[in-house]
N, C-alpha and C. Protein backbone atom coordinates (compact mmCIF):
# COMPACT_ATOMS: atom_id res chain seq x y z
N MET A 1 130.27 85.29 158.45
CA MET A 1 131.10 86.19 157.68
C MET A 1 132.06 86.26 157.68
N CYS A 2 132.95 86.42 156.68
CA CYS A 2 134.43 86.32 156.39
C CYS A 2 135.01 87.94 157.03
N LYS A 3 136.23 87.52 157.42
CA LYS A 3 136.69 89.14 157.78
C LYS A 3 136.60 90.45 156.81
N LEU A 4 137.14 89.73 155.60
CA LEU A 4 136.73 90.92 154.39
C LEU A 4 135.35 91.48 154.63
N CYS A 5 134.51 90.39 154.91
CA CYS A 5 133.15 91.17 154.28
C CYS A 5 132.98 91.99 155.76
N LEU A 6 133.31 91.28 156.78
CA LEU A 6 132.64 92.41 157.82
C LEU A 6 133.46 93.62 157.77
N GLN A 7 134.77 94.05 157.48
CA GLN A 7 134.92 95.48 156.99
C GLN A 7 134.65 96.25 155.96
N ILE A 8 134.09 95.32 154.97
CA ILE A 8 133.51 96.00 153.88
C ILE A 8 131.66 96.55 154.26
N ASN A 9 131.83 95.91 155.25
CA ASN A 9 130.29 96.18 156.01
C ASN A 9 130.27 97.30 156.72
N ARG A 10 131.39 97.43 157.80
CA ARG A 10 131.55 98.38 158.47
C ARG A 10 132.31 99.86 157.52
N LEU A 11 132.68 99.64 156.56
CA LEU A 11 133.31 100.69 155.60
C LEU A 11 131.90 101.03 154.75
N VAL A 12 131.03 100.24 154.10
CA VAL A 12 129.85 100.77 153.57
C VAL A 12 128.91 101.56 154.95
N ARG A 13 128.79 100.70 156.15
CA ARG A 13 128.04 101.54 157.16
C ARG A 13 128.77 103.41 157.25
N ARG A 14 129.48 103.05 157.40
CA ARG A 14 130.39 104.14 157.84
C ARG A 14 130.06 105.31 156.73
N MET A 15 130.18 104.79 155.11
CA MET A 15 129.74 105.73 154.10
C MET A 15 128.47 105.98 153.77
N SER A 16 127.48 105.44 154.96
CA SER A 16 126.11 105.97 154.88
C SER A 16 126.07 106.81 155.73
N ALA A 17 126.62 106.47 156.99
CA ALA A 17 126.41 107.36 157.94
C ALA A 17 126.92 108.65 157.55
N MET A 18 127.86 108.85 156.75
CA MET A 18 128.16 110.27 156.37
C MET A 18 127.73 110.81 155.41
N TRP A 19 126.93 110.03 154.48
CA TRP A 19 125.76 110.67 153.78
C TRP A 19 124.76 110.71 153.91
N THR A 20 124.23 111.90 154.66
CA THR A 20 122.83 111.94 155.16
C THR A 20 121.95 112.27 153.76
N ASN A 21 122.35 112.84 153.29
CA ASN A 21 121.12 112.96 151.64
C ASN A 21 120.65 111.34 151.50
N GLY A 22 119.40 111.25 151.24
CA GLY A 22 119.00 109.82 150.86
C GLY A 22 119.58 109.03 149.65
N SER A 23 119.58 110.00 148.31
CA SER A 23 119.98 109.49 147.17
C SER A 23 121.48 108.87 147.75
N HIS A 24 122.59 109.39 148.22
CA HIS A 24 123.74 108.88 148.67
C HIS A 24 124.26 107.77 149.46
N ALA A 25 122.99 107.55 150.64
CA ALA A 25 122.63 106.73 151.12
C ALA A 25 122.23 105.02 149.98
N ALA A 26 121.25 106.06 149.46
CA ALA A 26 121.09 104.35 148.13
C ALA A 26 122.01 103.98 147.51
N ASP A 27 122.79 104.91 146.97
CA ASP A 27 124.06 104.98 146.28
C ASP A 27 125.13 103.86 146.93
N ALA A 28 125.33 104.02 148.38
CA ALA A 28 126.21 103.22 149.16
C ALA A 28 125.71 102.15 149.22
N ARG A 29 124.17 101.61 149.46
CA ARG A 29 123.63 100.57 149.59
C ARG A 29 123.99 99.60 148.44
N ARG A 30 123.62 99.97 147.27
CA ARG A 30 123.74 99.84 145.71
C ARG A 30 125.21 99.22 145.89
N ILE A 31 126.11 99.89 146.24
CA ILE A 31 127.22 99.47 146.10
C ILE A 31 127.96 98.71 146.75
N ALA A 32 127.07 98.27 148.14
CA ALA A 32 127.35 97.23 149.13
C ALA A 32 126.67 96.30 148.41
N ASP A 33 125.53 96.02 148.01
CA ASP A 33 125.19 94.97 147.00
C ASP A 33 126.12 94.38 146.10
N ARG A 34 126.62 95.28 145.27
CA ARG A 34 127.42 94.71 144.14
C ARG A 34 128.62 94.44 144.67
N ILE A 35 129.29 94.86 145.90
CA ILE A 35 130.77 94.61 146.37
C ILE A 35 129.73 93.13 147.13
N GLY A 36 129.02 93.00 147.73
CA GLY A 36 128.30 91.68 148.48
C GLY A 36 128.29 90.57 147.19
N ALA A 37 127.90 90.44 145.80
CA ALA A 37 127.42 90.02 144.91
C ALA A 37 128.91 89.26 144.47
N GLU A 38 129.70 90.21 144.45
CA GLU A 38 131.36 90.15 144.19
C GLU A 38 131.78 89.19 145.14
N LEU A 39 131.96 89.01 146.56
CA LEU A 39 132.24 88.48 147.65
C LEU A 39 132.11 86.78 147.51
N GLY A 40 131.72 86.22 146.60
CA GLY A 40 131.38 84.78 146.21
C GLY A 40 132.80 84.16 146.48
N ALA A 41 133.93 84.94 145.63
CA ALA A 41 135.22 84.16 146.03
C ALA A 41 135.41 84.05 147.18
N PRO A 42 135.62 84.90 148.06
CA PRO A 42 136.30 85.07 149.50
C PRO A 42 135.11 83.74 150.14
N LYS A 43 134.14 83.65 149.70
CA LYS A 43 133.30 82.58 150.61
C LYS A 43 133.88 81.39 150.25
N ARG A 44 134.39 81.22 148.60
CA ARG A 44 134.88 79.91 148.43
C ARG A 44 135.95 79.54 148.63
N ILE A 45 137.19 80.32 149.20
CA ILE A 45 138.10 80.24 149.70
C ILE A 45 138.07 80.10 151.03
N VAL A 46 136.96 80.80 152.05
CA VAL A 46 137.06 80.11 153.21
C VAL A 46 136.43 78.59 153.06
N LEU A 47 135.58 78.09 152.37
CA LEU A 47 135.13 77.20 152.48
C LEU A 47 136.39 75.86 151.89
N SER A 48 136.89 76.42 150.99
CA SER A 48 138.42 75.68 150.61
C SER A 48 139.53 75.36 151.72
N ARG A 49 139.26 76.75 152.40
CA ARG A 49 139.95 76.22 153.66
C ARG A 49 139.62 75.38 154.65
N LEU A 50 138.45 75.34 154.66
CA LEU A 50 137.73 74.84 155.72
C LEU A 50 138.02 73.41 155.66
N ALA A 51 137.55 73.04 153.87
CA ALA A 51 137.85 71.45 153.35
C ALA A 51 139.45 71.37 153.68
N GLU A 52 140.11 71.97 153.29
CA GLU A 52 141.79 71.62 153.66
C GLU A 52 141.95 71.13 154.97
N HIS A 53 141.08 71.73 155.80
CA HIS A 53 141.86 71.25 157.39
C HIS A 53 140.94 70.38 157.88
N VAL A 54 139.74 69.88 157.24
CA VAL A 54 139.34 68.64 157.54
C VAL A 54 140.40 67.80 156.54
N ARG A 55 140.47 67.53 155.49
CA ARG A 55 141.30 66.58 154.79
C ARG A 55 142.55 66.28 155.50
N ARG A 56 143.15 67.02 156.04
CA ARG A 56 144.72 67.44 157.05
C ARG A 56 144.21 66.81 158.32
N ASN A 57 143.19 66.68 158.82
CA ASN A 57 142.94 66.31 160.43
C ASN A 57 141.78 65.03 159.99
N VAL A 58 141.63 64.66 159.26
CA VAL A 58 140.62 63.53 158.77
C VAL A 58 139.90 62.64 159.94
N ALA A 59 141.11 61.96 160.55
CA ALA A 59 141.34 60.73 161.47
C ALA A 59 140.88 61.15 162.72
N ARG A 60 140.73 62.60 162.89
CA ARG A 60 140.47 63.47 164.55
C ARG A 60 139.24 63.78 164.50
N ARG A 61 138.98 64.26 165.57
CA ARG A 61 137.42 64.89 166.04
C ARG A 61 137.56 66.37 165.94
N ILE A 62 136.62 66.62 164.60
CA ILE A 62 136.79 67.76 164.58
C ILE A 62 135.71 68.38 164.70
N ARG A 63 135.50 70.18 165.65
CA ARG A 63 134.62 70.50 166.15
C ARG A 63 134.10 71.73 165.35
N VAL A 64 132.88 71.59 165.53
CA VAL A 64 131.99 72.58 164.56
C VAL A 64 132.91 74.01 164.95
N ASP A 65 133.17 74.71 166.68
CA ASP A 65 133.92 75.84 166.91
C ASP A 65 135.22 75.49 166.58
N GLU A 66 135.88 74.69 165.86
CA GLU A 66 137.09 75.08 165.28
C GLU A 66 137.03 75.01 163.75
N LEU A 67 136.09 74.71 163.04
CA LEU A 67 135.86 75.16 161.67
C LEU A 67 135.03 76.90 161.95
N ALA A 68 134.56 77.01 162.93
CA ALA A 68 133.99 78.68 162.71
C ALA A 68 135.17 79.52 162.98
N HIS A 69 136.17 78.74 163.74
CA HIS A 69 137.45 79.78 164.53
C HIS A 69 137.98 80.05 162.84
N LEU A 70 138.62 78.52 162.13
CA LEU A 70 139.50 79.19 161.06
C LEU A 70 138.59 80.02 159.79
N ALA A 71 137.28 80.47 160.11
CA ALA A 71 136.74 80.83 159.08
C ALA A 71 136.23 82.31 159.67
N GLY A 72 136.65 82.24 160.85
CA GLY A 72 137.05 84.15 161.68
C GLY A 72 134.72 84.40 161.57
N ILE A 73 134.43 83.28 162.25
CA ILE A 73 132.84 83.73 162.67
C ILE A 73 132.62 82.68 163.73
N SER A 74 131.22 83.23 164.53
CA SER A 74 131.25 81.94 165.59
C SER A 74 130.66 80.58 164.73
N ALA A 75 130.49 79.79 165.70
CA ALA A 75 130.07 78.51 165.29
C ALA A 75 128.46 78.59 164.69
N LEU A 76 127.43 79.41 165.42
CA LEU A 76 126.21 79.82 165.27
C LEU A 76 126.09 80.25 163.52
N GLN A 77 126.99 81.08 163.73
CA GLN A 77 126.97 81.65 162.31
C GLN A 77 127.53 80.75 161.25
N LEU A 78 128.75 79.98 161.32
CA LEU A 78 128.73 79.10 160.44
C LEU A 78 127.85 78.12 160.09
N ALA A 79 126.95 77.54 161.34
CA ALA A 79 125.99 77.03 160.74
C ALA A 79 124.90 77.65 160.44
N ARG A 80 124.34 78.69 160.34
CA ARG A 80 123.87 79.43 159.45
C ARG A 80 124.09 79.41 158.00
N ALA A 81 125.28 79.92 157.85
CA ALA A 81 126.02 80.40 156.72
C ALA A 81 125.91 78.95 155.56
N PHE A 82 126.08 77.87 156.33
CA PHE A 82 126.42 76.58 155.59
C PHE A 82 124.70 75.92 155.27
N ARG A 83 123.85 76.57 156.04
CA ARG A 83 122.81 76.10 155.50
C ARG A 83 122.02 76.96 154.97
N ARG A 84 122.28 78.03 154.50
CA ARG A 84 121.95 78.85 153.67
C ARG A 84 122.73 79.05 152.17
N GLU A 85 123.85 78.92 152.09
CA GLU A 85 125.26 78.86 150.89
C GLU A 85 125.20 77.35 150.12
N HIS A 86 125.21 76.46 151.52
CA HIS A 86 124.98 74.53 150.70
C HIS A 86 124.24 73.84 150.93
N ALA A 87 122.85 74.33 151.85
CA ALA A 87 121.83 73.37 152.01
C ALA A 87 122.42 72.23 152.98
N LYS A 88 123.38 72.48 153.83
CA LYS A 88 123.80 71.00 154.46
C LYS A 88 124.65 71.87 155.87
N THR A 89 124.63 71.51 156.92
CA THR A 89 125.04 71.25 157.76
C THR A 89 127.12 71.17 157.76
N PRO A 90 127.32 71.79 159.01
CA PRO A 90 128.96 71.50 158.81
C PRO A 90 129.63 70.61 159.07
N TYR A 91 128.68 69.56 160.09
CA TYR A 91 128.97 68.34 160.63
C TYR A 91 128.95 67.58 159.32
N ALA A 92 127.58 67.76 158.26
CA ALA A 92 127.01 67.09 157.16
C ALA A 92 128.45 67.36 155.64
N PHE A 93 129.63 68.18 156.03
CA PHE A 93 130.20 68.90 155.08
C PHE A 93 131.02 68.01 155.62
N VAL A 94 131.53 67.99 157.02
CA VAL A 94 133.03 67.06 156.88
C VAL A 94 132.80 65.40 157.23
N LEU A 95 131.19 64.94 157.23
CA LEU A 95 131.27 63.65 156.71
C LEU A 95 131.06 63.16 155.47
N GLU A 96 130.82 64.25 154.43
CA GLU A 96 130.97 64.04 153.18
C GLU A 96 132.58 64.05 152.56
N ILE A 97 133.16 64.94 153.30
CA ILE A 97 134.88 64.97 152.98
C ILE A 97 135.63 63.33 153.88
N ARG A 98 134.87 62.73 154.85
CA ARG A 98 135.04 61.92 155.20
C ARG A 98 134.77 60.67 154.28
N ILE A 99 133.81 60.39 153.85
CA ILE A 99 133.36 59.49 153.20
C ILE A 99 134.06 59.77 151.70
N GLY A 100 134.39 60.39 151.51
CA GLY A 100 135.07 60.63 150.02
C GLY A 100 136.47 59.86 150.17
N TYR A 101 137.18 59.97 150.98
CA TYR A 101 138.38 59.63 152.12
C TYR A 101 138.35 58.29 152.11
N ALA A 102 137.34 57.71 152.58
CA ALA A 102 136.95 56.43 152.93
C ALA A 102 136.67 55.71 151.96
N LYS A 103 136.24 56.01 150.59
CA LYS A 103 135.87 55.68 149.00
C LYS A 103 137.22 55.36 148.55
N ALA A 104 138.01 56.30 148.97
CA ALA A 104 139.59 56.00 148.27
C ALA A 104 140.25 54.82 148.61
N LEU A 105 140.08 54.69 150.09
CA LEU A 105 141.05 54.07 151.16
C LEU A 105 140.50 52.84 150.53
N LEU A 106 138.73 52.54 150.51
CA LEU A 106 138.74 50.97 150.11
C LEU A 106 139.09 50.88 148.68
N ALA A 107 139.07 51.66 147.60
CA ALA A 107 139.45 51.52 146.45
C ALA A 107 140.77 50.82 146.74
N ALA A 108 141.65 51.50 147.50
CA ALA A 108 142.94 50.92 147.41
C ALA A 108 142.81 49.50 148.12
N GLY A 109 142.01 48.88 148.49
CA GLY A 109 142.27 47.70 148.99
C GLY A 109 142.44 47.16 150.34
N ARG A 110 142.03 48.42 151.10
CA ARG A 110 142.21 48.78 152.56
C ARG A 110 140.69 48.31 153.14
N THR A 111 141.19 47.44 154.25
CA THR A 111 139.93 46.46 155.46
C THR A 111 139.10 47.64 155.77
N ILE A 112 137.98 47.30 155.95
CA ILE A 112 136.60 48.28 156.44
C ILE A 112 137.06 48.75 157.60
N ALA A 113 137.36 47.74 158.69
CA ALA A 113 137.73 48.13 159.75
C ALA A 113 138.97 49.56 159.82
N ASP A 114 139.53 49.46 159.15
CA ASP A 114 140.88 50.29 158.90
C ASP A 114 140.67 51.51 158.23
N VAL A 115 139.45 51.52 157.30
CA VAL A 115 138.80 52.57 157.08
C VAL A 115 138.49 53.40 157.57
N ALA A 116 137.52 52.75 158.49
CA ALA A 116 136.84 53.63 159.73
C ALA A 116 137.59 54.16 160.16
N ALA A 117 138.63 53.44 161.23
CA ALA A 117 139.66 54.29 161.89
C ALA A 117 139.85 55.07 161.33
N GLU A 118 140.84 55.22 160.23
CA GLU A 118 141.24 55.88 159.74
C GLU A 118 140.35 57.58 159.08
N SER A 119 139.79 57.26 158.99
CA SER A 119 138.85 57.89 158.13
C SER A 119 138.16 58.74 159.37
N GLY A 120 138.27 58.69 160.40
CA GLY A 120 137.75 59.62 161.75
C GLY A 120 136.51 59.11 162.33
N PHE A 121 136.21 57.94 161.70
CA PHE A 121 134.76 58.04 162.81
C PHE A 121 135.01 56.72 163.96
N ALA A 122 133.59 56.78 164.55
CA ALA A 122 134.00 56.20 166.23
C ALA A 122 134.36 54.97 165.89
N ASP A 123 133.38 53.97 165.32
CA ASP A 123 133.94 53.06 165.23
C ASP A 123 132.90 52.29 163.86
N GLN A 124 133.50 50.81 163.61
CA GLN A 124 132.94 50.20 161.89
C GLN A 124 131.44 50.21 162.13
N SER A 125 130.81 50.20 162.56
CA SER A 125 128.80 50.46 162.92
C SER A 125 128.73 51.70 162.52
N HIS A 126 129.21 52.85 163.29
CA HIS A 126 129.29 54.22 162.58
C HIS A 126 129.54 54.31 161.25
N PHE A 127 130.66 53.79 160.82
CA PHE A 127 130.96 54.23 159.49
C PHE A 127 130.23 53.52 158.37
N THR A 128 129.87 52.02 158.99
CA THR A 128 128.65 51.60 158.10
C THR A 128 127.57 52.39 157.66
N ARG A 129 126.78 52.73 158.53
CA ARG A 129 125.45 53.66 159.07
C ARG A 129 125.51 55.14 158.02
N GLN A 130 126.93 55.54 158.11
CA GLN A 130 126.97 57.32 157.48
C GLN A 130 127.07 56.57 155.85
N PHE A 131 128.16 55.39 155.93
CA PHE A 131 128.66 55.40 154.49
C PHE A 131 127.62 54.75 153.53
N ARG A 132 125.96 54.25 154.56
CA ARG A 132 125.15 54.09 153.68
C ARG A 132 124.07 54.86 153.47
N ARG A 133 123.82 55.92 154.51
CA ARG A 133 122.87 56.74 154.19
C ARG A 133 123.68 57.97 153.17
N ARG A 134 125.02 57.87 152.73
CA ARG A 134 125.68 59.00 151.76
C ARG A 134 125.91 58.04 150.49
N VAL A 135 126.29 57.19 150.55
CA VAL A 135 126.41 56.10 149.18
C VAL A 135 125.41 55.41 148.71
N GLY A 136 124.20 54.87 149.52
CA GLY A 136 123.15 54.10 148.83
C GLY A 136 123.48 52.42 149.04
N MET A 137 124.92 52.61 149.85
CA MET A 137 125.08 51.07 149.96
C MET A 137 125.98 50.77 150.89
N THR A 138 126.04 49.34 151.14
CA THR A 138 127.42 49.65 152.23
C THR A 138 128.29 49.40 152.25
N PRO A 139 129.97 49.62 152.60
CA PRO A 139 131.11 49.53 152.51
C PRO A 139 131.53 48.24 151.63
N ARG A 140 130.68 47.24 151.96
CA ARG A 140 131.26 45.54 151.72
C ARG A 140 130.62 45.73 149.93
N GLU A 141 128.95 46.16 149.98
CA GLU A 141 128.84 46.58 148.70
C GLU A 141 129.77 46.88 147.35
N TYR A 142 130.29 48.60 148.14
CA TYR A 142 130.58 49.00 147.48
C TYR A 142 132.02 48.62 147.39
N LEU A 143 132.69 48.05 148.36
CA LEU A 143 133.83 46.72 147.69
C LEU A 143 133.60 45.99 146.32
N ARG A 144 132.61 45.44 146.61
CA ARG A 144 132.00 44.49 145.51
C ARG A 144 131.77 44.93 143.99
N SER A 145 131.31 46.09 144.41
CA SER A 145 130.78 46.77 142.92
C SER A 145 132.45 47.22 142.55
N TYR A 146 133.18 47.56 143.38
CA TYR A 146 134.35 48.28 142.56
C TYR A 146 135.47 47.22 142.37
N SER A 147 135.57 46.03 142.93
CA SER A 147 136.33 44.97 142.18
C SER A 147 135.77 44.83 140.62
């Protein structure tokens, strides 16, 4: 959960505690639910911030706890939120960005070995395996179809 969400949750809990009458507590929960529904924008902002960080650092190893720190939550919370919101893990998110970057490099005429190294993959075979899983063809087949 983002820092803004945590602050809002704390505020709502305080409001609920202040209102001992059941109807006011229900009002506070309704307000919290409405605010939570409108907090999709901060989630998108956090996701775009993480995506930008991955793009800037695509060639180096990016750890989940590093992404979690940027999002202001623990690594476990980040993993759960990613699975819930995007139906994928943070690692799959990083790979998706790397594969997109690799496609652009391949389209620009770079060699597969260079693309693997510049996209942050451990080696060319790791790159080829991940590329085939996500794109449905090997990088060489992609090059041929693109040419």
